Every structure is written in structure tokens, then in C-alpha cells.
C-alpha atoms as a PDB file:
ATOM      1  CA  UNK A   1     -20.386   1.390  19.245  1.00  0.00           C
ATOM      2  CA  UNK A   2     -20.105  -1.443  16.753  1.00  0.00           C
ATOM      3  CA  UNK A   3     -17.053  -3.709  16.762  1.00  0.00           C
ATOM      4  CA  UNK A   4     -17.542  -5.118  13.288  1.00  0.00           C
ATOM      5  CA  UNK A   5     -14.635  -6.968  11.693  1.00  0.00           C
ATOM      6  CA  UNK A   6     -13.539  -5.652   8.336  1.00  0.00           C
ATOM      7  CA  UNK A   7     -14.357  -7.807   5.338  1.00  0.00           C
ATOM      8  CA  UNK A   8     -12.965  -7.328   1.831  1.00  0.00           C
ATOM      9  CA  UNK A   9     -16.228  -5.607   0.918  1.00  0.00           C
ATOM     10  CA  UNK A  10     -15.813  -3.132   3.813  1.00  0.00           C
ATOM     11  CA  UNK A  11     -12.252  -2.170   2.948  1.00  0.00           C
ATOM     12  CA  UNK A  12     -12.815  -1.570  -0.730  1.00  0.00           C
ATOM     13  CA  UNK A  13     -10.690  -4.589  -1.647  1.00  0.00           C
ATOM     14  CA  UNK A  14     -11.828  -6.440  -4.713  1.00  0.00           C
ATOM     15  CA  UNK A  15     -10.678  -9.796  -3.360  1.00  0.00           C
ATOM     16  CA  UNK A  16     -14.026 -10.575  -1.801  1.00  0.00           C
ATOM     17  CA  UNK A  17     -17.298 -11.667  -3.279  1.00  0.00           C
ATOM     18  CA  UNK A  18     -18.873  -8.211  -3.006  1.00  0.00           C
ATOM     19  CA  UNK A  19     -18.727  -5.290  -5.348  1.00  0.00           C
ATOM     20  CA  UNK A  20     -15.679  -3.761  -3.692  1.00  0.00           C
ATOM     21  CA  UNK A  21     -17.683  -0.752  -2.546  1.00  0.00           C
ATOM     22  CA  UNK A  22     -17.001   0.628   0.901  1.00  0.00           C
ATOM     23  CA  UNK A  23     -19.662   0.504   3.541  1.00  0.00           C
ATOM     24  CA  UNK A  24     -19.887   1.658   7.116  1.00  0.00           C
ATOM     25  CA  UNK A  25     -17.286   3.229   9.357  1.00  0.00           C
ATOM     26  CA  UNK A  26     -14.673   0.580   8.586  1.00  0.00           C
ATOM     27  CA  UNK A  27     -14.949   1.340   4.868  1.00  0.00           C
ATOM     28  CA  UNK A  28     -14.613   5.061   5.492  1.00  0.00           C
ATOM     29  CA  UNK A  29     -11.467   4.484   7.554  1.00  0.00           C
ATOM     30  CA  UNK A  30      -9.986   2.341   4.793  1.00  0.00           C
ATOM     31  CA  UNK A  31      -9.935   5.368   2.478  1.00  0.00           C
ATOM     32  CA  UNK A  32      -8.193   7.559   5.063  1.00  0.00           C
ATOM     33  CA  UNK A  33      -4.842   5.927   4.345  1.00  0.00           C
ATOM     34  CA  UNK A  34      -5.025   6.525   0.610  1.00  0.00           C
ATOM     35  CA  UNK A  35      -6.289  10.072   1.181  1.00  0.00           C
ATOM     36  CA  UNK A  36      -3.356  10.774   3.504  1.00  0.00           C
ATOM     37  CA  UNK A  37      -0.873   9.216   1.090  1.00  0.00           C
ATOM     38  CA  UNK A  38      -2.316  11.295  -1.751  1.00  0.00           C
ATOM     39  CA  UNK A  39      -2.056  14.490   0.324  1.00  0.00           C
ATOM     40  CA  UNK A  40       1.534  13.761   1.420  1.00  0.00           C
ATOM     41  CA  UNK A  41       2.735  12.827  -2.059  1.00  0.00           C
ATOM     42  CA  UNK A  42       0.971  15.766  -3.702  1.00  0.00           C
ATOM     43  CA  UNK A  43       2.474  18.119  -1.116  1.00  0.00           C
ATOM     44  CA  UNK A  44       6.052  16.880  -1.519  1.00  0.00           C
ATOM     45  CA  UNK A  45       5.838  16.793  -5.321  1.00  0.00           C
ATOM     46  CA  UNK A  46       4.524  20.362  -5.247  1.00  0.00           C
ATOM     47  CA  UNK A  47       6.994  21.819  -2.750  1.00  0.00           C
ATOM     48  CA  UNK A  48      10.213  19.984  -3.710  1.00  0.00           C
ATOM     49  CA  UNK A  49      10.220  20.816  -7.440  1.00  0.00           C
ATOM     50  CA  UNK A  50       9.401  24.455  -6.705  1.00  0.00           C
ATOM     51  CA  UNK A  51      12.217  24.708  -4.140  1.00  0.00           C
ATOM     52  CA  UNK A  52      14.713  22.872  -6.363  1.00  0.00           C
ATOM     53  CA  UNK A  53      13.636  25.049  -9.286  1.00  0.00           C
ATOM     54  CA  UNK A  54      14.144  28.234  -7.296  1.00  0.00           C
ATOM     55  CA  UNK A  55      17.551  27.019  -6.134  1.00  0.00           C
ATOM     56  CA  UNK A  56      18.684  26.737  -9.752  1.00  0.00           C
ATOM     57  CA  UNK A  57      18.729  30.558  -9.656  1.00  0.00           C
ATOM     58  CA  UNK A  58      20.432  30.919  -6.263  1.00  0.00           C
ATOM     59  CA  UNK A  59      22.719  27.878  -5.987  1.00  0.00           C
ATOM     60  CA  UNK A  60      22.361  27.538  -2.226  1.00  0.00           C
ATOM     61  CA  UNK A  61      22.094  23.728  -2.173  1.00  0.00           C
ATOM     62  CA  UNK A  62      24.775  22.794  -4.707  1.00  0.00           C
ATOM     63  CA  UNK A  63      26.481  23.741  -7.957  1.00  0.00           C
ATOM     64  CA  UNK A  64      23.736  22.504 -10.284  1.00  0.00           C
ATOM     65  CA  UNK A  65      25.840  23.012 -13.417  1.00  0.00           C
ATOM     66  CA  UNK A  66      27.964  19.985 -12.470  1.00  0.00           C
ATOM     67  CA  UNK A  67      24.900  17.711 -12.728  1.00  0.00           C
ATOM     68  CA  UNK A  68      24.444  18.314 -16.447  1.00  0.00           C
ATOM     69  CA  UNK A  69      25.973  15.537 -18.541  1.00  0.00           C
ATOM     70  CA  UNK A  70      28.543  16.813 -21.059  1.00  0.00           C
ATOM     71  CA  UNK A  71      26.631  15.322 -24.005  1.00  0.00           C
ATOM     72  CA  UNK A  72      23.483  17.211 -22.959  1.00  0.00           C
ATOM     73  CA  UNK A  73      25.488  20.405 -22.449  1.00  0.00           C
ATOM     74  CA  UNK A  74      26.788  19.980 -26.013  1.00  0.00           C
ATOM     75  CA  UNK A  75      23.300  19.842 -27.550  1.00  0.00           C
ATOM     76  CA  UNK A  76      21.468  22.519 -25.543  1.00  0.00           C
ATOM     77  CA  UNK A  77      22.003  26.143 -26.525  1.00  0.00           C
ATOM     78  CA  UNK A  78      24.053  28.320 -24.202  1.00  0.00           C
ATOM     79  CA  UNK A  79      26.098  27.324 -21.192  1.00  0.00           C
ATOM     80  CA  UNK A  80      25.349  24.675 -18.568  1.00  0.00           C
ATOM     81  CA  UNK A  81      24.531  27.493 -16.165  1.00  0.00           C
ATOM     82  CA  UNK A  82      21.960  28.936 -18.566  1.00  0.00           C
ATOM     83  CA  UNK A  83      20.512  25.454 -19.118  1.00  0.00           C
ATOM     84  CA  UNK A  84      20.020  25.159 -15.365  1.00  0.00           C
ATOM     85  CA  UNK A  85      17.916  28.321 -15.397  1.00  0.00           C
ATOM     86  CA  UNK A  86      15.620  26.632 -17.933  1.00  0.00           C
ATOM     87  CA  UNK A  87      15.605  23.508 -15.766  1.00  0.00           C
ATOM     88  CA  UNK A  88      14.604  25.649 -12.784  1.00  0.00           C
ATOM     89  CA  UNK A  89      11.673  27.139 -14.663  1.00  0.00           C
ATOM     90  CA  UNK A  90      10.500  23.685 -15.772  1.00  0.00           C
ATOM     91  CA  UNK A  91      10.731  22.376 -12.199  1.00  0.00           C
ATOM     92  CA  UNK A  92       8.722  25.298 -10.828  1.00  0.00           C
ATOM     93  CA  UNK A  93       6.056  24.721 -13.479  1.00  0.00           C
ATOM     94  CA  UNK A  94       5.998  20.981 -12.673  1.00  0.00           C
ATOM     95  CA  UNK A  95       5.418  21.720  -8.985  1.00  0.00           C
ATOM     96  CA  UNK A  96       2.568  24.089  -9.776  1.00  0.00           C
ATOM     97  CA  UNK A  97       0.945  21.571 -12.148  1.00  0.00           C
ATOM     98  CA  UNK A  98       1.123  18.878  -9.442  1.00  0.00           C
ATOM     99  CA  UNK A  99      -0.652  21.240  -7.041  1.00  0.00           C
ATOM    100  CA  UNK A 100      -3.390  22.173  -9.502  1.00  0.00           C
ATOM    101  CA  UNK A 101      -3.820  18.949 -11.509  1.00  0.00           C
ATOM    102  CA  UNK A 102      -2.019  16.104  -9.701  1.00  0.00           C
ATOM    103  CA  UNK A 103      -3.164  13.479 -12.191  1.00  0.00           C
ATOM    104  CA  UNK A 104      -1.227  15.186 -14.991  1.00  0.00           C
ATOM    105  CA  UNK A 105       1.417  16.915 -12.900  1.00  0.00           C
ATOM    106  CA  UNK A 106       2.571  13.635 -11.400  1.00  0.00           C
ATOM    107  CA  UNK A 107       3.090  12.222 -14.909  1.00  0.00           C
ATOM    108  CA  UNK A 108       5.101  15.335 -15.777  1.00  0.00           C
ATOM    109  CA  UNK A 109       7.276  14.700 -12.704  1.00  0.00           C
ATOM    110  CA  UNK A 110       7.698  11.028 -13.695  1.00  0.00           C
ATOM    111  CA  UNK A 111       8.927  12.047 -17.153  1.00  0.00           C
ATOM    112  CA  UNK A 112      11.178  14.738 -15.685  1.00  0.00           C
ATOM    113  CA  UNK A 113      12.724  12.334 -13.161  1.00  0.00           C
ATOM    114  CA  UNK A 114      13.298   9.763 -15.920  1.00  0.00           C
ATOM    115  CA  UNK A 115      15.231  12.427 -17.827  1.00  0.00           C
ATOM    116  CA  UNK A 116      17.270  13.296 -14.749  1.00  0.00           C
ATOM    117  CA  UNK A 117      18.080   9.617 -14.170  1.00  0.00           C
ATOM    118  CA  UNK A 118      19.247   9.213 -17.780  1.00  0.00           C
ATOM    119  CA  UNK A 119      21.399  12.342 -17.395  1.00  0.00           C
ATOM    120  CA  UNK A 120      22.983  11.128 -14.148  1.00  0.00           C
ATOM    121  CA  UNK A 121      23.575   7.522 -15.245  1.00  0.00           C
ATOM    122  CA  UNK A 122      25.120   8.689 -18.519  1.00  0.00           C
ATOM    123  CA  UNK A 123      27.700  10.642 -16.508  1.00  0.00           C
ATOM    124  CA  UNK A 124      28.849   7.381 -14.915  1.00  0.00           C
ATOM    125  CA  UNK A 125      29.543   8.963 -11.531  1.00  0.00           C
ATOM    126  CA  UNK A 126      26.444   9.889  -9.583  1.00  0.00           C
ATOM    127  CA  UNK A 127      24.643   6.559  -9.259  1.00  0.00           C
ATOM    128  CA  UNK A 128      23.558   7.187  -5.661  1.00  0.00           C
ATOM    129  CA  UNK A 129      21.558  10.255  -6.660  1.00  0.00           C
ATOM    130  CA  UNK A 130      20.180   8.419  -9.715  1.00  0.00           C
ATOM    131  CA  UNK A 131      18.971   5.644  -7.400  1.00  0.00           C
ATOM    132  CA  UNK A 132      17.361   8.198  -5.084  1.00  0.00           C
ATOM    133  CA  UNK A 133      15.660   9.811  -8.053  1.00  0.00           C
ATOM    134  CA  UNK A 134      14.403   6.388  -9.159  1.00  0.00           C
ATOM    135  CA  UNK A 135      12.742   6.047  -5.740  1.00  0.00           C
ATOM    136  CA  UNK A 136      11.166   9.469  -6.256  1.00  0.00           C
ATOM    137  CA  UNK A 137       9.996   8.375  -9.715  1.00  0.00           C
ATOM    138  CA  UNK A 138       8.236   5.362  -8.181  1.00  0.00           C
ATOM    139  CA  UNK A 139       6.653   7.641  -5.560  1.00  0.00           C
ATOM    140  CA  UNK A 140       5.450   9.959  -8.348  1.00  0.00           C
ATOM    141  CA  UNK A 141       3.921   6.915 -10.076  1.00  0.00           C
ATOM    142  CA  UNK A 142       2.144   6.115  -6.805  1.00  0.00           C
ATOM    143  CA  UNK A 143       0.772   9.662  -6.769  1.00  0.00           C
ATOM    144  CA  UNK A 144      -0.439   9.152 -10.339  1.00  0.00           C
ATOM    145  CA  UNK A 145      -2.223   5.943  -9.346  1.00  0.00           C
ATOM    146  CA  UNK A 146      -3.803   7.596  -6.306  1.00  0.00           C
ATOM    147  CA  UNK A 147      -4.879  10.614  -8.375  1.00  0.00           C
ATOM    148  CA  UNK A 148      -6.571   8.431 -11.001  1.00  0.00           C
ATOM    149  CA  UNK A 149      -8.154   6.229  -8.298  1.00  0.00           C
ATOM    150  CA  UNK A 150      -9.337   9.314  -6.451  1.00  0.00           C
ATOM    151  CA  UNK A 151     -11.044  10.610  -9.598  1.00  0.00           C
ATOM    152  CA  UNK A 152     -12.806   7.262 -10.117  1.00  0.00           C
ATOM    153  CA  UNK A 153     -13.956   7.160  -6.478  1.00  0.00           C
ATOM    154  CA  UNK A 154     -15.251  10.717  -6.717  1.00  0.00           C
ATOM    155  CA  UNK A 155     -17.115   9.916  -9.944  1.00  0.00           C
ATOM    156  CA  UNK A 156     -18.631   6.729  -8.478  1.00  0.00           C
ATOM    157  CA  UNK A 157     -19.600   8.615  -5.327  1.00  0.00           C
ATOM    158  CA  UNK A 158     -21.274  11.385  -7.332  1.00  0.00           C
ATOM    159  CA  UNK A 159     -23.222   8.850  -9.408  1.00  0.00           C
ATOM    160  CA  UNK A 160     -24.349   7.034  -6.255  1.00  0.00           C
ATOM    161  CA  UNK A 161     -25.522  10.315  -4.705  1.00  0.00           C
ATOM    162  CA  UNK A 162     -27.381  11.251  -7.880  1.00  0.00           C
ATOM    163  CA  UNK A 163     -29.171   7.889  -7.981  1.00  0.00           C
ATOM    164  CA  UNK A 164     -30.017   8.141  -4.281  1.00  0.00           C
ATOM    165  CA  UNK A 165     -31.411  11.645  -4.774  1.00  0.00           C
ATOM    166  CA  UNK A 166     -33.530  10.458  -7.701  1.00  0.00           C
ATOM    167  CA  UNK A 167     -34.895   7.538  -5.675  1.00  0.00           C
ATOM    168  CA  UNK A 168     -35.733   9.773  -2.722  1.00  0.00           C
ATOM    169  CA  UNK A 169     -37.452  12.252  -5.024  1.00  0.00           C
ATOM    170  CA  UNK A 170     -39.397   9.444  -6.740  1.00  0.00           C
ATOM    171  CA  UNK A 171     -40.616   8.120  -3.371  1.00  0.00           C
ATOM    172  CA  UNK A 172     -41.940  11.546  -2.434  1.00  0.00           C
ATOM    173  CA  UNK A 173     -44.104  11.668  -5.565  1.00  0.00           C
END
């Protein structure tokens, strides 16, 4: 068993003199953290919006109508209660999009949370929930970054495998 110390090149950090590519067991372990973070964030931003969306129809957690700012209630058609049904549908869709296409779904959640924060702050009363939602917005941005990074890593990995396969095939000839 090798007890090699991690260098910036091994961890995928671009602070070293290398290319930033991972190598060896240490490099593989360095991606475990980002893979776990991606999985956890994708899971919570899939499950939570779907559950919150469903609760807009059942009202088990709270009276959602009271979270709609009066100025928004004045411009949307119907009652606040009917608006919350539409909100529920949008939240369910957002959760599904995060599950299927996290790169785009996470941006949808960021935009949605920004709208919720504007709604809550404009009411002038529910700053604690607005602050919590800001933390969720930052977490959704982290998911976006991980999703884009994950796509780049997968693309680079596929290109490296293709080149390796071509070289192996060329050596056989």
C-alpha cells in the first residue's frame, strides 16, 4: 500500500505546476467529496420542492396563502389560494427537472428562490425565512457549479479514454 502525500496535481487543484488532472488513488478520493456533495444537493433539491409543491394542495405544513405578498396577490389572477396551487405545480416541476437535468434544474431553483426572497422581503415581516431561503439559493448555486464541473470532468474523461483507446489500437497494428 502506497502512502503518497497528496500534491496539488493529485487533488485536481489548479494551484500546482501540473495540469490539474487527477492521478492515482489520492486523486480518485479527491473527487469523492464533490460527488457526494453533488448527490446530496441534487437529492434535497429534488425532494424538497416536490414535497413543498405537494403541500400547496394539502396545507399540512402551513397556511401557504399567507406567504404571498399583497402586491403579488393583486397582479396574479384569482385568489392567493389559487395562486398557491400554481406555485405548487411549478415547485413539483422544478424538483423533477433537478432530478433529470440538474445543471438546468438547479438554475430554475435559483431563480425560483430569488422570487420567493423578493416576495418575503417585500412583505417586511418574514426576514428569517427569507434569510433561510437565501442560504438555499447559495446551495442551489453550488449544485449548479458541481453539475457544470461534473459535465466537464465527464467530457475530459471520455476524451482521455478515446485517446487511450486509439493509442492502444495503433500499437497493435
